[in-house]
Amino acid sequence: MGSLGMPELLVILIIALIVFGAGKLPQIGENLGKAIRNFKSATESGKIDVTPKKPDEISGGSKQ
């Protein structure tokens, strides 16, 4: 499978215009953008620090 080119995107846009109408497309685009932004922020906030630590950082720096 290849990536979407300009002709494919144009066909998708024309089908969307037919199905939803010209009045609803800006609202659909806005809602899609909000959903993508919310998804990105949710995935960013869920990240944890996985950098390796030195043994003295793990034990609090005190050697016995």
PDB file of N, CA and C in Angstrom:
ATOM      1  N   MET A   1       0.835  -1.182   0.000  1.00  0.00           N
ATOM      2  CA  MET A   1       0.000   0.000   0.000  1.00  0.00           C
ATOM      3  C   MET A   1       0.874   1.238   0.000  1.00  0.00           C
ATOM      4  N   GLY A   2       0.480   2.210  -0.770  1.00  0.00           N
ATOM      5  CA  GLY A   2       1.230   3.445  -0.835  1.00  0.00           C
ATOM      6  C   GLY A   2       0.563   4.543  -0.030  1.00  0.00           C
ATOM      7  N   SER A   3       1.171   5.700  -0.081  1.00  0.00           N
ATOM      8  CA  SER A   3       0.597   6.837   0.628  1.00  0.00           C
ATOM      9  C   SER A   3      -0.469   7.503  -0.235  1.00  0.00           C
ATOM     10  N   LEU A   4      -1.259   8.348   0.397  1.00  0.00           N
ATOM     11  CA  LEU A   4      -2.302   9.050  -0.333  1.00  0.00           C
ATOM     12  C   LEU A   4      -1.697  10.206  -1.115  1.00  0.00           C
ATOM     13  N   GLY A   5      -2.040  10.277  -2.374  1.00  0.00           N
ATOM     14  CA  GLY A   5      -1.576  11.370  -3.215  1.00  0.00           C
ATOM     15  C   GLY A   5      -2.667  12.410  -3.381  1.00  0.00           C
ATOM     16  N   MET A   6      -2.395  13.399  -4.209  1.00  0.00           N
ATOM     17  CA  MET A   6      -3.355  14.472  -4.429  1.00  0.00           C
ATOM     18  C   MET A   6      -4.661  13.977  -5.073  1.00  0.00           C
ATOM     19  N   PRO A   7      -4.629  13.096  -6.065  1.00  0.00           N
ATOM     20  CA  PRO A   7      -5.899  12.639  -6.645  1.00  0.00           C
ATOM     21  C   PRO A   7      -6.781  11.892  -5.632  1.00  0.00           C
ATOM     22  N   GLU A   8      -6.161  11.077  -4.790  1.00  0.00           N
ATOM     23  CA  GLU A   8      -6.940  10.346  -3.789  1.00  0.00           C
ATOM     24  C   GLU A   8      -7.569  11.293  -2.774  1.00  0.00           C
ATOM     25  N   LEU A   9      -6.803  12.291  -2.325  1.00  0.00           N
ATOM     26  CA  LEU A   9      -7.338  13.265  -1.370  1.00  0.00           C
ATOM     27  C   LEU A   9      -8.483  14.070  -1.980  1.00  0.00           C
ATOM     28  N   LEU A  10      -8.376  14.390  -3.249  1.00  0.00           N
ATOM     29  CA  LEU A  10      -9.427  15.134  -3.943  1.00  0.00           C
ATOM     30  C   LEU A  10     -10.712  14.305  -4.013  1.00  0.00           C
ATOM     31  N   VAL A  11     -10.589  13.013  -4.313  1.00  0.00           N
ATOM     32  CA  VAL A  11     -11.772  12.140  -4.358  1.00  0.00           C
ATOM     33  C   VAL A  11     -12.409  12.048  -2.977  1.00  0.00           C
ATOM     34  N   ILE A  12     -11.608  11.924  -1.929  1.00  0.00           N
ATOM     35  CA  ILE A  12     -12.135  11.856  -0.561  1.00  0.00           C
ATOM     36  C   ILE A  12     -12.862  13.151  -0.210  1.00  0.00           C
ATOM     37  N   LEU A  13     -12.295  14.295  -0.581  1.00  0.00           N
ATOM     38  CA  LEU A  13     -12.931  15.587  -0.310  1.00  0.00           C
ATOM     39  C   LEU A  13     -14.263  15.717  -1.042  1.00  0.00           C
ATOM     40  N   ILE A  14     -14.317  15.284  -2.288  1.00  0.00           N
ATOM     41  CA  ILE A  14     -15.558  15.368  -3.061  1.00  0.00           C
ATOM     42  C   ILE A  14     -16.635  14.479  -2.440  1.00  0.00           C
ATOM     43  N   ILE A  15     -16.247  13.276  -2.022  1.00  0.00           N
ATOM     44  CA  ILE A  15     -17.209  12.375  -1.375  1.00  0.00           C
ATOM     45  C   ILE A  15     -17.702  12.981  -0.065  1.00  0.00           C
ATOM     46  N   ALA A  16     -16.812  13.599   0.709  1.00  0.00           N
ATOM     47  CA  ALA A  16     -17.207  14.239   1.965  1.00  0.00           C
ATOM     48  C   ALA A  16     -18.165  15.392   1.707  1.00  0.00           C
ATOM     49  N   LEU A  17     -17.930  16.159   0.650  1.00  0.00           N
ATOM     50  CA  LEU A  17     -18.840  17.254   0.303  1.00  0.00           C
ATOM     51  C   LEU A  17     -20.225  16.729  -0.042  1.00  0.00           C
ATOM     52  N   ILE A  18     -20.270  15.619  -0.762  1.00  0.00           N
ATOM     53  CA  ILE A  18     -21.557  15.046  -1.145  1.00  0.00           C
ATOM     54  C   ILE A  18     -22.295  14.500   0.077  1.00  0.00           C
ATOM     55  N   VAL A  19     -21.578  13.814   0.937  1.00  0.00           N
ATOM     56  CA  VAL A  19     -22.221  13.164   2.080  1.00  0.00           C
ATOM     57  C   VAL A  19     -22.639  14.180   3.141  1.00  0.00           C
ATOM     58  N   PHE A  20     -21.748  15.083   3.523  1.00  0.00           N
ATOM     59  CA  PHE A  20     -22.017  15.993   4.634  1.00  0.00           C
ATOM     60  C   PHE A  20     -22.525  17.361   4.210  1.00  0.00           C
ATOM     61  N   GLY A  21     -22.233  17.791   3.023  1.00  0.00           N
ATOM     62  CA  GLY A  21     -22.621  19.119   2.580  1.00  0.00           C
ATOM     63  C   GLY A  21     -21.567  20.146   2.948  1.00  0.00           C
ATOM     64  N   ALA A  22     -21.589  21.262   2.242  1.00  0.00           N
ATOM     65  CA  ALA A  22     -20.563  22.289   2.422  1.00  0.00           C
ATOM     66  C   ALA A  22     -20.678  22.996   3.775  1.00  0.00           C
ATOM     67  N   GLY A  23     -21.867  23.045   4.345  1.00  0.00           N
ATOM     68  CA  GLY A  23     -22.057  23.741   5.612  1.00  0.00           C
ATOM     69  C   GLY A  23     -21.485  23.008   6.811  1.00  0.00           C
ATOM     70  N   LYS A  24     -21.439  21.693   6.755  1.00  0.00           N
ATOM     71  CA  LYS A  24     -20.982  20.902   7.894  1.00  0.00           C
ATOM     72  C   LYS A  24     -19.480  20.646   7.875  1.00  0.00           C
ATOM     73  N   LEU A  25     -18.816  20.750   6.741  1.00  0.00           N
ATOM     74  CA  LEU A  25     -17.399  20.408   6.661  1.00  0.00           C
ATOM     75  C   LEU A  25     -16.507  21.241   7.577  1.00  0.00           C
ATOM     76  N   PRO A  26     -16.684  22.565   7.693  1.00  0.00           N
ATOM     77  CA  PRO A  26     -15.834  23.315   8.634  1.00  0.00           C
ATOM     78  C   PRO A  26     -16.012  22.865  10.083  1.00  0.00           C
ATOM     79  N   GLN A  27     -17.238  22.549  10.461  1.00  0.00           N
ATOM     80  CA  GLN A  27     -17.500  22.082  11.820  1.00  0.00           C
ATOM     81  C   GLN A  27     -16.863  20.713  12.057  1.00  0.00           C
ATOM     82  N   ILE A  28     -16.928  19.849  11.067  1.00  0.00           N
ATOM     83  CA  ILE A  28     -16.311  18.521  11.186  1.00  0.00           C
ATOM     84  C   ILE A  28     -14.794  18.664  11.294  1.00  0.00           C
ATOM     85  N   GLY A  29     -14.208  19.540  10.489  1.00  0.00           N
ATOM     86  CA  GLY A  29     -12.769  19.772  10.550  1.00  0.00           C
ATOM     87  C   GLY A  29     -12.326  20.319  11.896  1.00  0.00           C
ATOM     88  N   GLU A  30     -13.109  21.232  12.435  1.00  0.00           N
ATOM     89  CA  GLU A  30     -12.791  21.813  13.740  1.00  0.00           C
ATOM     90  C   GLU A  30     -12.849  20.749  14.829  1.00  0.00           C
ATOM     91  N   ASN A  31     -13.881  19.928  14.807  1.00  0.00           N
ATOM     92  CA  ASN A  31     -14.008  18.874  15.810  1.00  0.00           C
ATOM     93  C   ASN A  31     -12.904  17.829  15.666  1.00  0.00           C
ATOM     94  N   LEU A  32     -12.523  17.528  14.451  1.00  0.00           N
ATOM     95  CA  LEU A  32     -11.435  16.584  14.223  1.00  0.00           C
ATOM     96  C   LEU A  32     -10.117  17.143  14.754  1.00  0.00           C
ATOM     97  N   GLY A  33      -9.868  18.425  14.529  1.00  0.00           N
ATOM     98  CA  GLY A  33      -8.662  19.068  15.047  1.00  0.00           C
ATOM     99  C   GLY A  33      -8.615  19.056  16.569  1.00  0.00           C
ATOM    100  N   LYS A  34      -9.753  19.327  17.208  1.00  0.00           N
ATOM    101  CA  LYS A  34      -9.818  19.287  18.667  1.00  0.00           C
ATOM    102  C   LYS A  34      -9.548  17.879  19.186  1.00  0.00           C
ATOM    103  N   ALA A  35     -10.102  16.887  18.506  1.00  0.00           N
ATOM    104  CA  ALA A  35      -9.902  15.509  18.938  1.00  0.00           C
ATOM    105  C   ALA A  35      -8.434  15.105  18.825  1.00  0.00           C
ATOM    106  N   ILE A  36      -7.786  15.511  17.749  1.00  0.00           N
ATOM    107  CA  ILE A  36      -6.365  15.186  17.567  1.00  0.00           C
ATOM    108  C   ILE A  36      -5.524  15.884  18.629  1.00  0.00           C
ATOM    109  N   ARG A  37      -5.829  17.161  18.916  1.00  0.00           N
ATOM    110  CA  ARG A  37      -5.096  17.888  19.953  1.00  0.00           C
ATOM    111  C   ARG A  37      -5.275  17.232  21.327  1.00  0.00           C
ATOM    112  N   ASN A  38      -6.506  16.829  21.640  1.00  0.00           N
ATOM    113  CA  ASN A  38      -6.759  16.170  22.927  1.00  0.00           C
ATOM    114  C   ASN A  38      -6.020  14.845  23.012  1.00  0.00           C
ATOM    115  N   PHE A  39      -5.985  14.101  21.919  1.00  0.00           N
ATOM    116  CA  PHE A  39      -5.284  12.822  21.906  1.00  0.00           C
ATOM    117  C   PHE A  39      -3.786  13.029  22.115  1.00  0.00           C
ATOM    118  N   LYS A  40      -3.209  14.023  21.442  1.00  0.00           N
ATOM    119  CA  LYS A  40      -1.780  14.302  21.598  1.00  0.00           C
ATOM    120  C   LYS A  40      -1.457  14.720  23.028  1.00  0.00           C
ATOM    121  N   SER A  41      -2.281  15.578  23.608  1.00  0.00           N
ATOM    122  CA  SER A  41      -2.000  16.026  24.973  1.00  0.00           C
ATOM    123  C   SER A  41      -2.161  14.873  25.961  1.00  0.00           C
ATOM    124  N   ALA A  42      -3.093  13.974  25.708  1.00  0.00           N
ATOM    125  CA  ALA A  42      -3.270  12.827  26.601  1.00  0.00           C
ATOM    126  C   ALA A  42      -2.081  11.880  26.504  1.00  0.00           C
ATOM    127  N   THR A  43      -1.551  11.688  25.308  1.00  0.00           N
ATOM    128  CA  THR A  43      -0.410  10.795  25.174  1.00  0.00           C
ATOM    129  C   THR A  43       0.850  11.441  25.731  1.00  0.00           C
ATOM    130  N   GLU A  44       0.981  12.748  25.634  1.00  0.00           N
ATOM    131  CA  GLU A  44       2.144  13.440  26.189  1.00  0.00           C
ATOM    132  C   GLU A  44       2.125  13.408  27.712  1.00  0.00           C
ATOM    133  N   SER A  45       0.967  13.559  28.319  1.00  0.00           N
ATOM    134  CA  SER A  45       0.894  13.578  29.778  1.00  0.00           C
ATOM    135  C   SER A  45       1.079  12.187  30.372  1.00  0.00           C
ATOM    136  N   GLY A  46       0.907  11.150  29.563  1.00  0.00           N
ATOM    137  CA  GLY A  46       1.048   9.794  30.057  1.00  0.00           C
ATOM    138  C   GLY A  46       2.448   9.248  29.959  1.00  0.00           C
ATOM    139  N   LYS A  47       3.387  10.035  29.435  1.00  0.00           N
ATOM    140  CA  LYS A  47       4.753   9.548  29.285  1.00  0.00           C
ATOM    141  C   LYS A  47       5.450   9.480  30.641  1.00  0.00           C
ATOM    142  N   ILE A  48       6.320   8.498  30.784  1.00  0.00           N
ATOM    143  CA  ILE A  48       7.111   8.378  32.004  1.00  0.00           C
ATOM    144  C   ILE A  48       8.586   8.474  31.645  1.00  0.00           C
ATOM    145  N   ASP A  49       9.386   8.798  32.626  1.00  0.00           N
ATOM    146  CA  ASP A  49      10.822   8.929  32.415  1.00  0.00           C
ATOM    147  C   ASP A  49      11.462   7.548  32.485  1.00  0.00           C
ATOM    148  N   VAL A  50      12.052   7.115  31.382  1.00  0.00           N
ATOM    149  CA  VAL A  50      12.664   5.791  31.331  1.00  0.00           C
ATOM    150  C   VAL A  50      14.174   5.880  31.147  1.00  0.00           C
ATOM    151  N   THR A  51      14.768   7.021  31.480  1.00  0.00           N
ATOM    152  CA  THR A  51      16.213   7.158  31.346  1.00  0.00           C
ATOM    153  C   THR A  51      16.887   6.342  32.441  1.00  0.00           C
ATOM    154  N   PRO A  52      17.965   5.663  32.109  1.00  0.00           N
ATOM    155  CA  PRO A  52      18.646   4.846  33.125  1.00  0.00           C
ATOM    156  C   PRO A  52      19.277   5.731  34.202  1.00  0.00           C
ATOM    157  N   LYS A  53      19.219   5.275  35.418  1.00  0.00           N
ATOM    158  CA  LYS A  53      19.784   6.024  36.543  1.00  0.00           C
ATOM    159  C   LYS A  53      21.057   5.338  37.013  1.00  0.00           C
ATOM    160  N   LYS A  54      21.940   6.139  37.575  1.00  0.00           N
ATOM    161  CA  LYS A  54      23.164   5.605  38.164  1.00  0.00           C
ATOM    162  C   LYS A  54      22.817   4.929  39.481  1.00  0.00           C
ATOM    163  N   PRO A  55      23.592   3.950  39.888  1.00  0.00           N
ATOM    164  CA  PRO A  55      23.270   3.251  41.158  1.00  0.00           C
ATOM    165  C   PRO A  55      23.206   4.182  42.361  1.00  0.00           C
ATOM    166  N   ASP A  56      24.036   5.230  42.421  1.00  0.00           N
ATOM    167  CA  ASP A  56      23.987   6.123  43.579  1.00  0.00           C
ATOM    168  C   ASP A  56      22.740   7.002  43.557  1.00  0.00           C
ATOM    169  N   GLU A  57      22.138   7.243  42.383  1.00  0.00           N
ATOM    170  CA  GLU A  57      20.901   8.020  42.317  1.00  0.00           C
ATOM    171  C   GLU A  57      19.717   7.194  42.809  1.00  0.00           C
ATOM    172  N   ILE A  58      19.784   5.887  42.614  1.00  0.00           N
ATOM    173  CA  ILE A  58      18.687   5.009  43.023  1.00  0.00           C
ATOM    174  C   ILE A  58      18.639   4.868  44.537  1.00  0.00           C
ATOM    175  N   SER A  59      19.798   4.680  45.168  1.00  0.00           N
ATOM    176  CA  SER A  59      19.833   4.455  46.602  1.00  0.00           C
ATOM    177  C   SER A  59      19.813   5.747  47.416  1.00  0.00           C
ATOM    178  N   GLY A  60      19.724   6.856  46.778  1.00  0.00           N
ATOM    179  CA  GLY A  60      19.665   8.120  47.506  1.00  0.00           C
ATOM    180  C   GLY A  60      21.014   8.734  47.766  1.00  0.00           C
ATOM    181  N   GLY A  61      22.072   8.173  47.218  1.00  0.00           N
ATOM    182  CA  GLY A  61      23.385   8.757  47.342  1.00  0.00           C
ATOM    183  C   GLY A  61      24.201   8.289  48.525  1.00  0.00           C
ATOM    184  N   SER A  62      23.610   7.524  49.419  1.00  0.00           N
ATOM    185  CA  SER A  62      24.380   7.063  50.591  1.00  0.00           C
ATOM    186  C   SER A  62      24.954   5.682  50.306  1.00  0.00           C
ATOM    187  N   LYS A  63      26.242   5.560  50.528  1.00  0.00           N
ATOM    188  CA  LYS A  63      26.915   4.277  50.309  1.00  0.00           C
ATOM    189  C   LYS A  63      27.140   3.598  51.647  1.00  0.00           C
ATOM    190  N   GLN A  64      26.923   2.297  51.704  1.00  0.00           N
ATOM    191  CA  GLN A  64      27.111   1.563  52.949  1.00  0.00           C
ATOM    192  C   GLN A  64      28.226   0.578  52.839  1.00  0.00           C
TER     193      GLN A  64
END
